[in-house]
Each structure stands twice: as structure tokens, then as C-alpha cells.
Amino acid sequence: MAQNIHTTRFQKVKWGDSTAQIETVNSNGVECLRLEDVQRHFHTVIVKAFLIDNVQKAFIHDETGKNSEPLRIVAHLDKTVEVVGSMKHSSNDIHDQLLLMDGKLDRIDANTQEILRQIDHVMTQMYELHEFTTPRYFFILPAEHSNIKAIDTVQNWLHIHYKLYFLCECSQDPKEMHVAPHEGYSIKRPRDFILRYGPYLKTTLAIAQALLSIGGFAIPQLGNVSKAINDVLPPQLNNSQFYTDAEQKLQMVDDLLNKVDNQQYRAGASVVDRHQSRGTALQGAELREIQTYLERVDDKRSLGNLYRIVTADGHVRWVCHKHYDAISCNNEMSKYINAFEAMGGKFDQKTNEALINQLDITSKNVAMMCQALENGFNIEKLICRECSIGEDDLKKLLDIIINRSSIRCLNMGSVRVRNVLGITKYTCQEMVAEFNNQTMKVRFCNNNQDANVQILGRLLL
């Protein structure tokens, strides 16, 4: 009895530099190469088609042109079949790419938000610079001690000699303000002034009363104020007797404002009008008119020895010389933080820790950081994770960090150092450097000793 002998035959298949012998199959008397067999061998490749002599071969199909299953081509054992396909990405690779994309999107969003924030600040600044050409927080007190009981009518109250005092806008919290370092301004037409600004004075008087209750009438840290400013402090502030009758004077003004308010109400003002007028913020034109009511205005137009300053968020404030210097310093710090975050970094203002994560640090980034650190950008700890940086840029940055910055700890992990061609020269896997006065303590992980030597050499230069 005769036996059918099956002879195993192979097709030579090539993908890139890899070549394999794939077993063929007989399908309806035709020797074929199945796509699934090739796919199974080249498992890291997504097989899409086959070429023979640079000609793409059609899969076997029926008379209608529909590919037959399983997908296969006619085998050509004397030829080499080339695979057309693409590399598969592992789930880890896809995850890493998604994380990288998320990081880029976060940086784009952060940059967009920063641009919008800057536009908003500029618009706020343009408006307030135009509007607030005069300090906006002020209150009045009788210039001399008056017998309240002897003043029987509102008209008599309105003819008392009053002085106007400005407040330093050193904080958004009214309780942290203080009286401006000035002797005060006599008011020319007290009746007109009080009728004009009475509703607004109700609010600012409440601030003055709160300051008196917590001792805020005096300039904070008076001993540190320059002699020039100390010489023009209101005499009352240097007089212990002032605190004895200040409360009475404030109450007197409060009573006067209430009487004026009630008198206007009886004169026909509606309840709604009276309610809306109380605490209403003054506009620029109304603030500028204040000077027309004052007996004497400073030649330099620095009312109350206050100086106009623009804060980091674009708002205008009028502050004393001491707080002018402090706010200017804070503004510079805010600029450094904004620039650092715009490049993709993160800064914790509570701990003064800065983080650079998954970022290709450019020469422009390094120049910005070096300038900021030299000019006082207060970073206690700098952490760099999964970043890359040019070799020369790293040298510049380390020099500034060690010799001209406030950084006390530098932590680098998985930081790739590039050569001039942008190719990774070595990678710092893990390094912690601590700086204390003239001493430096450095710790490395045991991996990649060559890179550790390179980094240590940079630190010791």
C-alpha cells in the first residue's frame, strides 16, 4: 500500500537585517506563505504586506477580489520575501509616550495660562496706573481736642479743624496697614469734604479703628525707619497721650459721619441710594480731587510720603519707603518664579524647593536660571529628574549653584548630559550634593561609575 509522503518546504523571509526560514503550506494544491506564520516569527513587527524583487505581492483572493482567509501569498522558494511592516510598541513604551505627551501638554497649558495671566496683569496695571494717581486709603481726625458734648449741631461739627492722614497699603489685610509717615494735611473746606467723601470715610475710618485696637497706628519696626521718615511722623504718634484720646477722636468722627448720613436721609435720599453709597470705592477722578481740599500738598506730589508701586500681579499700591523696598524685592522674586515655571519647572514657595522634571534644558533656560540665582532667586533645594542638559550648560549652572546662589542641596536623577552634537555623553543616575558654607558633601549611587567621576569633576572645578 502506497503512503503519501509530505515534504516540508521553507520560504526565505527577511525583515530588516533579520532573515528566517518560514514553513510553507499547501492550500488547494498551491504552495503558500501565510501572513500569520510570518507574524508569529517576527512578533515585534506589525506585518502588513510582502515584497518580492521590490514588487508587492497580492494576497490570494477569489474571483471577486476578496482576500481569502487566512491571508497568504504564493510561495517563491527561489526568492527572498521581504516584509513590509512597522515595529510594535510595548505597553510600557506607549505608556511612556503618553506620559511624555501629557507632560508637554501640561507645559503648553502652563505657558498659555502664564501668557493670559500676564495679559490680565498688564490690563489691570494700565487701568490702575491711570486711575490711582493718588493714595486711596485715608481718614480724618480733629486737629485739636474738642469737647464733643459742647458741639450741639452738625453744622458746628463741620467747622472743626480736621486733618487728613493716609494709610500705607503694605498689605491686602487692612489690619496689617499702618499710618503713613507724615504729619497730616489740614483740610480747607471740612464741610464740603465730609459731604463729598463721607460714605467712603465710613469704610476707611473702620480700618483706622481696627488699627488703633491692635496698636497699628505706629509705624512697624519704628527703630528701623530712616531718620528722614522718622522726622515727619505725625507728632501724635510719638506722643503716648495720643493713644488715650485717639479712640475718642475716632468715635467723634464716626458720630459725625452718622449724623451727616442721617441728615442726608432726612433731606430725601432713598434707602437704596444711602446703602449703595456706603463703602463705595472711589474712582480716579474723585481721588485726584482730594488734593484740592488740602491746605498744603508736597512739592514732589508724594502724598503722605507714600510711593506708588506696581505689584507682581499688576495692581497699584501706595506704600511707605520701607515697604516700597520690600515689595520691589517680592516683585523680583515673583518674576523669577514665573520665568522658572514658564520653562516647565515647578517651585514650592513654602519650602523654596524647585523641581525640573522630564525637560530638555536649553542654553536659554540655563542663562535665565543663572541670572535669577545670581540676582537673589531664593532656592533652597533644586531637583532635576529625567532631564537632559548640554555639557557646557551644566558647567555654567554648577558654577553658579556652588559659588553664587542660595541653593543648599542639589539632587540629580537620570539626568542625561549632552555633547556639542546633542548626543548623550553620559547619564547621572543619582546624585545628591549638599553645600554648607565652604564644605560640600556629595553622594552617588553605585551605578555608572564613569558618569559619577564626570559629575564629580564638574563639581570640583
Protein backbone atom coordinates (compact mmCIF):
# COMPACT_ATOMS: atom_id res chain seq x y z
CA MET A 1 0.00 0.00 0.00
CA ALA A 2 1.44 3.32 -1.06
CA GLN A 3 1.90 6.13 1.52
CA ASN A 4 1.66 9.90 0.92
CA ILE A 5 4.95 11.43 1.94
CA HIS A 6 4.72 15.14 2.97
CA THR A 7 7.90 17.04 2.28
CA THR A 8 8.44 20.13 4.48
CA ARG A 9 9.48 23.16 2.47
CA PHE A 10 10.53 26.64 3.60
CA GLN A 11 10.28 30.18 2.28
CA LYS A 12 13.12 32.61 3.00
CA VAL A 13 11.67 35.76 4.63
CA LYS A 14 13.52 38.95 5.55
CA TRP A 15 12.70 41.84 7.91
CA GLY A 16 15.38 44.49 8.12
CA ASP A 17 18.64 42.72 8.93
CA SER A 18 16.86 39.58 10.18
CA THR A 19 16.23 36.59 7.93
CA ALA A 20 14.17 33.50 8.72
CA GLN A 21 13.01 30.28 7.06
CA ILE A 22 9.22 30.06 7.36
CA GLU A 23 7.45 26.77 6.61
CA THR A 24 5.07 26.90 3.66
CA VAL A 25 1.62 25.29 3.47
CA ASN A 26 -0.31 23.64 0.66
CA SER A 27 -3.68 25.22 0.00
CA ASN A 28 -5.82 23.70 -2.73
CA GLY A 29 -2.70 22.44 -4.46
CA VAL A 30 -0.91 25.81 -4.26
CA GLU A 31 2.16 26.23 -2.06
CA CYS A 32 1.64 29.35 0.06
CA LEU A 33 3.26 31.56 2.67
CA ARG A 34 0.80 32.57 5.38
CA LEU A 35 0.95 36.05 6.92
CA GLU A 36 0.15 34.70 10.39
CA ASP A 37 3.21 32.40 10.28
CA VAL A 38 5.46 35.33 9.41
CA GLN A 39 3.78 37.48 12.06
CA ARG A 40 4.32 34.78 14.65
CA HIS A 41 8.05 34.68 13.92
CA PHE A 42 8.61 38.44 13.70
CA HIS A 43 6.46 39.11 16.77
CA THR A 44 7.78 42.63 17.33
CA VAL A 45 6.63 43.69 13.87
CA ILE A 46 3.18 44.52 12.55
CA VAL A 47 3.29 42.69 9.18
CA LYS A 48 1.27 44.48 6.50
CA ALA A 49 2.43 43.14 3.11
CA PHE A 50 5.15 41.20 1.26
CA LEU A 51 7.63 42.23 -1.45
CA ILE A 52 9.45 40.04 -3.95
CA ASP A 53 12.07 41.80 -6.04
CA ASN A 54 10.66 45.11 -4.73
CA VAL A 55 7.22 44.23 -6.10
CA GLN A 56 4.38 43.99 -3.61
CA LYS A 57 2.62 40.65 -3.94
CA ALA A 58 -1.16 40.42 -3.78
CA PHE A 59 -2.76 38.09 -1.28
CA ILE A 60 -4.59 35.10 -2.75
CA HIS A 61 -8.19 36.12 -3.45
CA ASP A 62 -11.36 34.85 -5.08
CA GLU A 63 -12.83 35.89 -8.42
CA THR A 64 -14.49 38.91 -6.80
CA GLY A 65 -11.17 40.23 -5.50
CA LYS A 66 -11.90 39.42 -1.86
CA ASN A 67 -8.84 38.17 0.05
CA SER A 68 -9.05 34.55 1.07
CA GLU A 69 -8.61 33.57 4.69
CA PRO A 70 -6.11 33.08 6.14
CA LEU A 71 -4.15 35.81 4.38
CA ARG A 72 -1.40 34.25 2.25
CA ILE A 73 0.66 34.68 -0.89
CA VAL A 74 2.00 32.18 -3.41
CA ALA A 75 5.38 30.95 -2.20
CA HIS A 76 8.50 31.56 -4.30
CA LEU A 77 11.14 29.32 -2.80
CA ASP A 78 13.85 30.60 -5.10
CA LYS A 79 13.27 34.18 -3.96
CA THR A 80 13.50 36.13 -0.71
CA VAL A 81 10.26 37.59 0.55
CA GLU A 82 10.68 40.98 2.23
CA VAL A 83 8.27 42.02 4.97
CA VAL A 84 6.53 45.39 4.82
CA GLY A 85 5.52 46.50 8.30
CA SER A 86 6.24 48.61 11.36
CA MET A 87 7.60 48.00 14.82
CA LYS A 88 5.16 47.28 17.59
CA HIS A 89 5.28 49.45 20.70
CA SER A 90 5.10 47.71 24.03
CA SER A 91 2.52 48.83 26.55
CA ASN A 92 5.34 50.37 28.56
CA ASP A 93 6.54 52.33 25.53
CA ILE A 94 3.03 53.56 24.84
CA HIS A 95 2.60 54.48 28.49
CA ASP A 96 5.89 56.39 28.47
CA GLN A 97 4.90 58.22 25.29
CA LEU A 98 1.54 59.13 26.78
CA LEU A 99 3.25 60.45 29.89
CA LEU A 100 5.63 62.46 27.72
CA MET A 101 2.72 63.87 25.74
CA ASP A 102 0.87 64.70 28.96
CA GLY A 103 3.96 66.50 30.22
CA LYS A 104 4.24 68.53 27.01
CA LEU A 105 0.52 69.35 27.10
CA ASP A 106 0.84 70.44 30.73
CA ARG A 107 3.74 72.73 29.81
CA ILE A 108 1.81 74.15 26.85
CA ASP A 109 -1.20 74.74 29.10
CA ALA A 110 1.02 76.30 31.78
CA ASN A 111 2.62 78.59 29.20
CA THR A 112 -0.79 79.57 27.84
CA GLN A 113 -2.09 80.30 31.33
CA GLU A 114 1.03 82.33 32.06
CA ILE A 115 0.53 84.41 28.90
CA LEU A 116 -3.13 85.01 29.80
CA ARG A 117 -2.12 85.93 33.35
CA GLN A 118 0.44 88.41 32.07
CA ILE A 119 -2.11 89.97 29.71
CA ASP A 120 -4.58 90.31 32.58
CA HIS A 121 -1.90 91.89 34.77
CA VAL A 122 -0.92 94.36 32.05
CA MET A 123 -4.55 95.36 31.51
CA THR A 124 -5.06 95.78 35.26
CA GLN A 125 -1.85 97.76 35.52
CA MET A 126 -2.75 100.08 32.64
CA TYR A 127 -6.13 100.83 34.21
CA GLU A 128 -4.86 101.35 37.75
CA LEU A 129 -1.87 103.45 36.70
CA HIS A 130 -4.31 105.79 35.01
CA GLU A 131 -6.89 105.74 37.79
CA PHE A 132 -4.94 105.61 41.03
CA THR A 133 -2.58 108.57 40.81
CA THR A 134 -3.43 109.39 44.44
CA PRO A 135 -3.38 107.20 47.58
CA ARG A 136 -6.86 105.77 48.11
CA TYR A 137 -6.85 104.94 51.85
CA PHE A 138 -7.20 107.90 54.21
CA PHE A 139 -9.13 109.01 57.28
CA ILE A 140 -9.65 112.25 59.20
CA LEU A 141 -9.26 113.28 62.82
CA PRO A 142 -9.88 116.55 64.66
CA ALA A 143 -6.63 118.51 64.72
CA GLU A 144 -7.25 119.62 68.30
CA HIS A 145 -9.02 118.01 71.19
CA SER A 146 -12.66 119.10 71.14
CA ASN A 147 -15.41 118.85 73.69
CA ILE A 148 -17.91 116.66 71.92
CA LYS A 149 -20.73 117.47 74.31
CA ALA A 150 -20.30 121.19 73.63
CA ILE A 151 -20.91 120.68 69.91
CA ASP A 152 -24.66 120.62 69.59
CA THR A 153 -25.27 120.68 65.83
CA VAL A 154 -23.89 119.02 62.75
CA GLN A 155 -23.04 122.42 61.30
CA ASN A 156 -20.75 123.15 64.24
CA TRP A 157 -19.08 119.77 63.82
CA LEU A 158 -18.42 120.54 60.18
CA HIS A 159 -16.46 123.68 61.05
CA ILE A 160 -13.94 121.99 63.35
CA HIS A 161 -10.33 121.89 62.14
CA TYR A 162 -9.69 118.39 60.75
CA LYS A 163 -6.56 116.74 59.45
CA LEU A 164 -6.33 114.01 56.84
CA TYR A 165 -3.97 111.04 57.25
CA PHE A 166 -3.08 108.47 54.61
CA LEU A 167 -2.53 104.76 55.18
CA CYS A 168 0.33 102.70 53.78
CA GLU A 169 -1.14 99.94 51.55
CA CYS A 170 1.54 97.44 52.55
CA SER A 171 -0.94 94.55 52.76
CA GLN A 172 -4.28 93.41 51.40
CA ASP A 173 -5.28 92.76 55.01
CA PRO A 174 -6.47 96.11 56.44
CA LYS A 175 -5.27 95.11 59.91
CA GLU A 176 -1.68 94.97 58.63
CA MET A 177 -1.69 98.51 57.26
CA HIS A 178 -0.25 101.45 59.16
CA VAL A 179 -0.50 105.23 59.18
CA ALA A 180 1.71 106.88 56.58
CA PRO A 181 4.82 108.63 57.98
CA HIS A 182 3.52 112.17 57.63
CA GLU A 183 2.24 114.87 59.98
CA GLY A 184 -1.12 115.01 58.22
CA TYR A 185 -2.82 117.56 55.99
CA SER A 186 -5.19 120.29 57.18
CA ILE A 187 -8.50 120.24 55.33
CA LYS A 188 -9.54 123.57 53.78
CA ARG A 189 -13.28 123.12 53.50
CA PRO A 190 -14.19 120.43 56.00
CA ARG A 191 -17.93 120.74 55.37
CA ASP A 192 -17.62 120.20 51.61
CA PHE A 193 -15.02 117.48 52.11
CA ILE A 194 -17.12 115.46 54.56
CA LEU A 195 -20.26 115.79 52.45
CA ARG A 196 -18.26 114.70 49.39
CA TYR A 197 -16.36 111.77 50.89
CA GLY A 198 -18.45 110.86 53.94
CA PRO A 199 -19.69 107.43 52.72
CA TYR A 200 -16.16 106.37 51.76
CA LEU A 201 -14.72 107.68 55.04
CA LYS A 202 -17.04 105.32 56.91
CA THR A 203 -15.06 102.39 55.50
CA THR A 204 -11.58 103.83 55.96
CA LEU A 205 -12.44 105.01 59.47
CA ALA A 206 -13.29 101.41 60.38
CA ILE A 207 -9.78 100.44 59.25
CA ALA A 208 -8.28 103.18 61.43
CA GLN A 209 -10.31 102.00 64.43
CA ALA A 210 -9.12 98.43 63.87
CA LEU A 211 -5.51 99.63 63.64
CA LEU A 212 -5.86 101.53 66.90
CA SER A 213 -7.21 98.44 68.66
CA ILE A 214 -4.14 96.39 67.65
CA GLY A 215 -1.57 99.16 68.00
CA GLY A 216 -1.18 99.59 64.25
CA PHE A 217 -1.21 103.37 64.32
CA ALA A 218 2.54 103.33 64.83
CA ILE A 219 4.94 102.53 62.01
CA PRO A 220 6.02 98.86 62.27
CA GLN A 221 9.65 98.44 63.39
CA LEU A 222 9.94 102.15 64.01
CA GLY A 223 13.57 101.83 65.02
CA ASN A 224 14.49 100.66 61.53
CA VAL A 225 12.81 103.56 59.75
CA SER A 226 15.24 106.12 58.37
CA LYS A 227 15.68 109.40 60.25
CA ALA A 228 14.26 111.31 57.28
CA ILE A 229 10.97 109.46 57.62
CA ASN A 230 11.02 109.44 61.40
CA ASP A 231 11.29 113.25 61.40
CA VAL A 232 7.98 113.63 59.58
CA LEU A 233 5.95 111.17 61.62
CA PRO A 234 2.71 112.66 62.93
CA PRO A 235 3.54 114.24 66.31
CA GLN A 236 0.65 112.29 67.81
CA LEU A 237 2.40 109.02 67.02
CA ASN A 238 5.35 109.98 69.20
CA ASN A 239 3.07 111.12 71.99
CA SER A 240 1.85 108.49 74.45
CA GLN A 241 -1.11 110.74 75.23
CA PHE A 242 -2.30 110.24 71.66
CA TYR A 243 -3.48 106.72 72.36
CA THR A 244 -5.50 108.00 75.28
CA ASP A 245 -7.74 110.31 73.27
CA ALA A 246 -7.38 108.75 69.77
CA GLU A 247 -10.28 106.42 70.41
CA GLN A 248 -12.43 109.36 71.46
CA LYS A 249 -11.49 111.31 68.32
CA LEU A 250 -12.22 108.37 66.06
CA GLN A 251 -15.57 107.91 67.73
CA MET A 252 -16.29 111.61 67.29
CA VAL A 253 -15.66 111.37 63.54
CA ASP A 254 -17.77 108.22 63.37
CA ASP A 255 -20.64 110.01 65.11
CA LEU A 256 -20.26 112.97 62.75
CA LEU A 257 -20.44 110.74 59.68
CA ASN A 258 -23.54 109.02 61.05
CA LYS A 259 -25.20 112.38 61.71
CA VAL A 260 -24.38 113.60 58.20
CA ASP A 261 -25.70 110.35 56.79
CA ASN A 262 -28.94 110.66 58.75
CA GLN A 263 -29.31 114.31 57.78
CA GLN A 264 -28.96 113.43 54.10
CA TYR A 265 -31.55 110.71 54.59
CA ARG A 266 -34.00 113.19 56.06
CA ALA A 267 -33.23 115.50 53.14
CA GLY A 268 -34.71 112.97 50.75
CA ALA A 269 -32.06 110.41 49.75
CA SER A 270 -33.57 106.97 49.23
CA VAL A 271 -32.65 103.98 51.37
CA VAL A 272 -31.19 102.30 48.28
CA ASP A 273 -29.02 105.34 47.47
CA ARG A 274 -27.75 105.51 51.05
CA HIS A 275 -26.97 101.80 51.09
CA GLN A 276 -25.15 101.92 47.75
CA SER A 277 -23.09 104.96 48.73
CA ARG A 278 -21.64 103.29 51.82
CA GLY A 279 -18.27 101.71 51.24
CA THR A 280 -18.29 102.55 47.53
CA ALA A 281 -14.76 102.61 46.13
CA LEU A 282 -13.67 105.97 44.79
CA GLN A 283 -12.76 106.35 41.15
CA GLY A 284 -9.59 108.04 39.89
CA ALA A 285 -11.16 111.45 39.29
CA GLU A 286 -12.67 111.53 42.79
CA LEU A 287 -9.35 110.57 44.36
CA ARG A 288 -7.49 113.26 42.45
CA GLU A 289 -9.93 115.89 43.73
CA ILE A 290 -8.78 115.22 47.30
CA GLN A 291 -5.74 117.44 46.79
CA THR A 292 -7.99 120.45 46.18
CA TYR A 293 -9.28 120.15 49.76
CA LEU A 294 -5.85 120.07 51.40
CA GLU A 295 -4.05 123.14 52.76
CA ARG A 296 -0.61 122.02 51.63
CA VAL A 297 0.45 119.34 49.18
CA ASP A 298 4.00 118.00 48.98
CA ASP A 299 6.14 119.54 46.26
CA LYS A 300 7.07 116.09 44.99
CA ARG A 301 3.42 115.03 44.93
CA SER A 302 4.24 112.09 47.20
CA LEU A 303 1.16 112.41 49.39
CA GLY A 304 1.83 111.13 52.89
CA ASN A 305 5.43 110.32 51.94
CA LEU A 306 3.97 107.39 50.04
CA TYR A 307 5.30 105.99 46.79
CA ARG A 308 3.33 104.39 44.01
CA ILE A 309 4.38 100.86 43.15
CA VAL A 310 3.02 98.12 40.88
CA THR A 311 2.83 94.67 42.49
CA ALA A 312 3.68 91.43 40.70
CA ASP A 313 0.00 90.83 39.89
CA GLY A 314 -0.35 94.23 38.20
CA HIS A 315 -2.09 96.16 41.00
CA VAL A 316 -1.12 99.69 42.04
CA ARG A 317 -0.38 100.38 45.70
CA TRP A 318 0.80 103.42 47.62
CA VAL A 319 3.35 102.43 50.26
CA CYS A 320 5.97 103.95 52.54
CA HIS A 321 9.66 103.84 51.67
CA LYS A 322 10.30 100.79 53.85
CA HIS A 323 7.59 98.71 52.23
CA TYR A 324 8.44 100.08 48.79
CA ASP A 325 11.81 98.33 49.04
CA ALA A 326 10.22 95.12 50.40
CA ILE A 327 7.55 94.92 47.68
CA SER A 328 10.12 95.65 44.97
CA CYS A 329 12.11 92.67 46.23
CA ASN A 330 8.99 90.46 46.23
CA ASN A 331 8.16 91.58 42.70
CA GLU A 332 11.58 90.47 41.50
CA MET A 333 11.13 87.11 43.23
CA SER A 334 7.75 86.68 41.51
CA LYS A 335 9.34 87.41 38.13
CA TYR A 336 11.94 84.70 38.72
CA ILE A 337 9.29 82.18 39.77
CA ASN A 338 7.11 82.96 36.75
CA ALA A 339 10.06 82.61 34.36
CA PHE A 340 11.09 79.32 36.01
CA GLU A 341 7.58 77.88 35.77
CA ALA A 342 7.19 79.13 32.19
CA MET A 343 10.15 76.98 31.14
CA GLY A 344 8.44 73.93 32.66
CA GLY A 345 9.76 73.94 36.23
CA LYS A 346 7.79 73.88 39.47
CA PHE A 347 8.52 75.98 42.57
CA ASP A 348 7.16 75.48 46.09
CA GLN A 349 7.10 78.88 47.81
CA LYS A 350 6.58 77.28 51.22
CA THR A 351 9.73 75.14 51.12
CA ASN A 352 11.65 77.07 48.42
CA GLU A 353 12.17 73.78 46.56
CA ALA A 354 12.45 73.85 42.76
CA LEU A 355 11.74 70.84 40.52
CA ILE A 356 12.71 70.30 36.88
CA ASN A 357 11.16 67.09 35.56
CA GLN A 358 11.29 65.49 32.09
CA LEU A 359 12.67 68.58 30.41
CA ASP A 360 15.34 69.17 27.78
CA ILE A 361 17.13 72.07 29.46
CA THR A 362 18.26 74.57 26.83
CA SER A 363 21.05 77.14 26.94
CA LYS A 364 18.36 79.81 27.19
CA ASN A 365 16.89 78.08 30.24
CA VAL A 366 20.32 77.89 31.87
CA ALA A 367 21.05 81.56 31.17
CA MET A 368 17.73 82.56 32.77
CA MET A 369 18.36 80.38 35.83
CA CYS A 370 21.92 81.63 36.29
CA GLN A 371 20.83 85.27 36.11
CA ALA A 372 17.95 84.68 38.53
CA LEU A 373 20.13 82.79 41.03
CA GLU A 374 22.82 85.48 40.92
CA ASN A 375 20.22 88.19 41.49
CA GLY A 376 18.67 86.54 44.53
CA PHE A 377 16.22 83.86 43.36
CA ASN A 378 15.94 82.08 46.70
CA ILE A 379 16.02 78.32 46.03
CA GLU A 380 16.94 76.06 48.93
CA LYS A 381 16.82 72.76 47.04
CA LEU A 382 16.97 72.08 43.29
CA ILE A 383 15.76 68.70 41.99
CA CYS A 384 16.37 67.57 38.40
CA ARG A 385 14.65 64.37 37.26
CA GLU A 386 14.77 62.64 33.85
CA CYS A 387 16.19 65.71 32.15
CA SER A 388 18.89 66.40 29.60
CA ILE A 389 21.37 69.28 29.55
CA GLY A 390 24.36 70.33 27.48
CA GLU A 391 27.80 69.69 28.95
CA ASP A 392 28.84 73.35 28.81
CA ASP A 393 25.48 74.46 30.22
CA LEU A 394 25.88 72.05 33.13
CA LYS A 395 29.30 73.51 33.86
CA LYS A 396 27.87 77.06 33.96
CA LEU A 397 24.91 76.07 36.11
CA LEU A 398 27.01 74.15 38.64
CA ASP A 399 29.40 77.09 38.97
CA ILE A 400 26.52 79.44 39.81
CA ILE A 401 24.87 76.92 42.16
CA ILE A 402 28.05 76.33 44.14
CA ASN A 403 29.51 79.83 44.23
CA ARG A 404 26.74 82.38 43.72
CA SER A 405 23.38 81.04 44.82
CA SER A 406 21.32 80.22 47.90
CA ILE A 407 20.96 76.54 46.90
CA ARG A 408 21.94 74.23 49.74
CA CYS A 409 21.02 70.92 48.12
CA LEU A 410 21.20 69.69 44.51
CA ASN A 411 19.54 66.37 43.64
CA MET A 412 20.03 64.93 40.14
CA GLY A 413 18.41 61.69 38.93
CA SER A 414 18.51 60.18 35.43
CA VAL A 415 19.97 63.38 34.01
CA ARG A 416 21.49 62.93 30.55
CA VAL A 417 24.46 65.16 29.71
CA ARG A 418 24.71 66.02 26.00
CA ASN A 419 27.81 66.82 23.97
CA VAL A 420 28.01 69.66 21.44
CA LEU A 421 26.24 67.50 18.86
CA GLY A 422 23.29 66.90 21.17
CA ILE A 423 24.19 63.24 21.71
CA THR A 424 24.08 61.83 25.23
CA LYS A 425 27.64 61.60 26.54
CA TYR A 426 26.83 60.15 29.96
CA THR A 427 23.93 59.88 32.39
CA CYS A 428 23.91 60.83 36.05
CA GLN A 429 21.74 58.12 37.60
CA GLU A 430 21.52 59.52 41.13
CA MET A 431 23.49 62.24 42.89
CA VAL A 432 22.87 64.40 45.96
CA ALA A 433 25.19 67.33 46.68
CA GLU A 434 24.85 69.38 49.86
CA PHE A 435 26.56 72.75 50.28
CA ASN A 436 27.26 74.29 53.67
CA ASN A 437 29.49 77.36 53.86
CA GLN A 438 32.83 76.20 52.46
CA THR A 439 32.11 72.47 52.62
CA MET A 440 30.45 70.17 50.10
CA LYS A 441 29.10 66.66 50.64
CA VAL A 442 28.34 64.51 47.58
CA ARG A 443 26.64 61.11 47.40
CA PHE A 444 26.35 58.94 44.28
CA CYS A 445 24.64 55.64 43.55
CA ASN A 446 26.93 52.74 42.65
CA ASN A 447 25.74 52.53 39.04
CA ASN A 448 27.69 54.09 36.18
CA GLN A 449 30.96 54.97 37.89
CA ASP A 450 32.24 56.77 34.79
CA ALA A 451 29.35 59.23 34.90
CA ASN A 452 29.89 59.74 38.63
CA VAL A 453 33.51 60.67 38.00
CA GLN A 454 32.46 63.11 35.28
CA ILE A 455 29.91 64.84 37.53
CA LEU A 456 32.30 64.95 40.48
CA GLY A 457 34.90 66.56 38.25
CA ARG A 458 32.40 69.25 37.28
CA LEU A 459 31.58 69.92 40.93
CA LEU A 460 35.24 70.28 41.88
CA LEU A 461 36.22 72.61 39.04
